[in-house]
Amino acid sequence: MLTQLNGVGVANVTFEPACRNNWHIHHGENGGGQILLVTGGRGWYQEWGKEAQELRAGDVVTIPVGVKHWHGAAKDSWFSHVAIEVPGEGTSNEWLEAVSDTDYSKLK
């Protein structure tokens, strides 16, 4: 974490090549969600039921409350982003299943 002030958490996150987080959902009753500011490397962001989006430095992803998703590095690149927790009431994160190796291996 870089800072946690007035309900706004800001973290610098770095993934080594092929590292990704599990599917997860940011919950919130009034506000919430997450913003990713890509700062380096090449990675992926995917929402449940949609195609994965390639991410590079300068890209911004706004993740609404209640959207199941994952993000992480490409197979051949480190990947860094600043993750901003959008403040809200009743916010929490629900961590779910891993992104399957079969699905991940299809990404270039």
Protein backbone atom coordinates (compact mmCIF):
# COMPACT_ATOMS: atom_id res chain seq x y z
CA MET A 1 0.00 0.00 0.00
CA LEU A 2 1.22 3.49 -0.82
CA THR A 3 -1.42 5.21 1.28
CA GLN A 4 -4.78 4.70 2.96
CA LEU A 5 -6.45 8.06 3.55
CA ASN A 6 -10.15 8.84 4.01
CA GLY A 7 -11.18 5.46 2.66
CA VAL A 8 -9.05 5.72 -0.49
CA GLY A 9 -6.48 2.95 -0.65
CA VAL A 10 -3.70 3.29 -3.20
CA ALA A 11 -1.35 0.36 -3.88
CA ASN A 12 1.57 -0.14 -6.23
CA VAL A 13 1.23 -3.70 -7.57
CA THR A 14 3.84 -5.58 -9.60
CA PHE A 15 3.32 -9.01 -11.19
CA GLU A 16 6.21 -11.13 -12.45
CA PRO A 17 5.73 -12.71 -15.90
CA ALA A 18 2.74 -15.10 -16.03
CA CYS A 19 1.54 -14.06 -12.55
CA ARG A 20 -2.12 -13.18 -12.19
CA ASN A 21 -4.60 -12.83 -9.38
CA ASN A 22 -7.72 -14.94 -8.94
CA TRP A 23 -11.13 -13.95 -10.19
CA HIS A 24 -12.58 -11.50 -7.69
CA ILE A 25 -15.39 -9.02 -7.11
CA HIS A 26 -15.32 -5.61 -5.41
CA HIS A 27 -18.56 -5.17 -3.51
CA GLY A 28 -20.08 -1.96 -2.21
CA GLU A 29 -23.46 -0.58 -1.23
CA ASN A 30 -22.83 3.08 -2.03
CA GLY A 31 -19.73 3.68 -4.10
CA GLY A 32 -16.81 1.29 -4.27
CA GLY A 33 -15.03 -0.41 -7.14
CA GLN A 34 -11.45 -0.06 -8.30
CA ILE A 35 -9.35 1.91 -10.77
CA LEU A 36 -6.16 0.50 -12.30
CA LEU A 37 -3.52 2.88 -13.68
CA VAL A 38 -1.05 0.81 -15.71
CA THR A 39 2.51 2.04 -15.13
CA GLY A 40 4.70 -0.56 -16.83
CA GLY A 41 5.03 -3.77 -18.76
CA ARG A 42 2.27 -5.69 -20.47
CA GLY A 43 -0.66 -7.43 -18.84
CA TRP A 44 -4.27 -8.47 -19.04
CA TYR A 45 -7.64 -7.50 -17.59
CA GLN A 46 -10.72 -9.64 -18.09
CA GLU A 47 -14.32 -9.41 -16.95
CA TRP A 48 -16.36 -12.60 -16.56
CA GLY A 49 -18.00 -13.56 -19.86
CA LYS A 50 -15.91 -11.12 -21.93
CA GLU A 51 -12.67 -11.31 -23.89
CA ALA A 52 -9.45 -10.35 -22.09
CA GLN A 53 -8.06 -6.86 -22.78
CA GLU A 54 -4.33 -6.36 -23.26
CA LEU A 55 -2.95 -3.59 -21.04
CA ARG A 56 0.16 -1.42 -21.45
CA ALA A 57 1.64 1.58 -19.66
CA GLY A 58 -0.76 4.52 -19.74
CA ASP A 59 -3.93 2.40 -19.90
CA VAL A 60 -6.66 2.98 -17.31
CA VAL A 61 -9.28 0.42 -16.26
CA THR A 62 -12.35 1.42 -14.25
CA ILE A 63 -13.88 -1.59 -12.51
CA PRO A 64 -17.45 -1.10 -11.31
CA VAL A 65 -18.83 -2.65 -8.14
CA GLY A 66 -20.08 -6.21 -8.59
CA VAL A 67 -18.05 -7.08 -11.71
CA LYS A 68 -16.21 -10.42 -11.53
CA HIS A 69 -12.74 -9.95 -13.04
CA TRP A 70 -9.02 -10.67 -12.84
CA HIS A 71 -5.81 -8.89 -13.86
CA GLY A 72 -2.17 -9.84 -14.17
CA ALA A 73 0.98 -10.03 -16.28
CA ALA A 74 1.45 -11.37 -19.77
CA LYS A 75 3.45 -14.61 -20.03
CA ASP A 76 6.56 -12.79 -21.24
CA SER A 77 6.45 -9.47 -19.35
CA TRP A 78 6.51 -7.93 -15.92
CA PHE A 79 3.40 -5.85 -15.29
CA SER A 80 2.81 -2.97 -12.87
CA HIS A 81 -0.22 -0.90 -12.01
CA VAL A 82 -1.40 1.46 -9.33
CA ALA A 83 -4.65 0.14 -7.85
CA ILE A 84 -7.01 2.70 -6.35
CA GLU A 85 -9.83 1.54 -4.10
CA VAL A 86 -12.86 3.72 -4.75
CA PRO A 87 -14.36 4.71 -1.40
CA GLY A 88 -17.88 3.69 -0.52
CA GLU A 89 -20.08 2.19 2.15
CA GLY A 90 -20.02 -1.52 2.87
CA THR A 91 -17.08 -2.18 0.57
CA SER A 92 -15.33 -5.55 0.52
CA ASN A 93 -13.47 -7.86 -1.83
CA GLU A 94 -14.59 -11.39 -2.57
CA TRP A 95 -11.77 -13.65 -3.80
CA LEU A 96 -12.88 -16.50 -6.03
CA GLU A 97 -11.38 -19.29 -8.16
CA ALA A 98 -8.04 -19.14 -9.93
CA VAL A 99 -7.85 -18.23 -13.61
CA SER A 100 -7.34 -21.61 -15.24
CA ASP A 101 -4.01 -22.38 -16.88
CA THR A 102 -5.96 -23.51 -19.95
CA ASP A 103 -7.72 -20.13 -20.34
CA TYR A 104 -4.61 -18.13 -19.49
CA SER A 105 -2.43 -20.06 -21.98
CA LYS A 106 -4.73 -18.92 -24.83
CA LEU A 107 -3.68 -15.28 -24.28
CA LYS A 108 -0.79 -13.99 -26.36
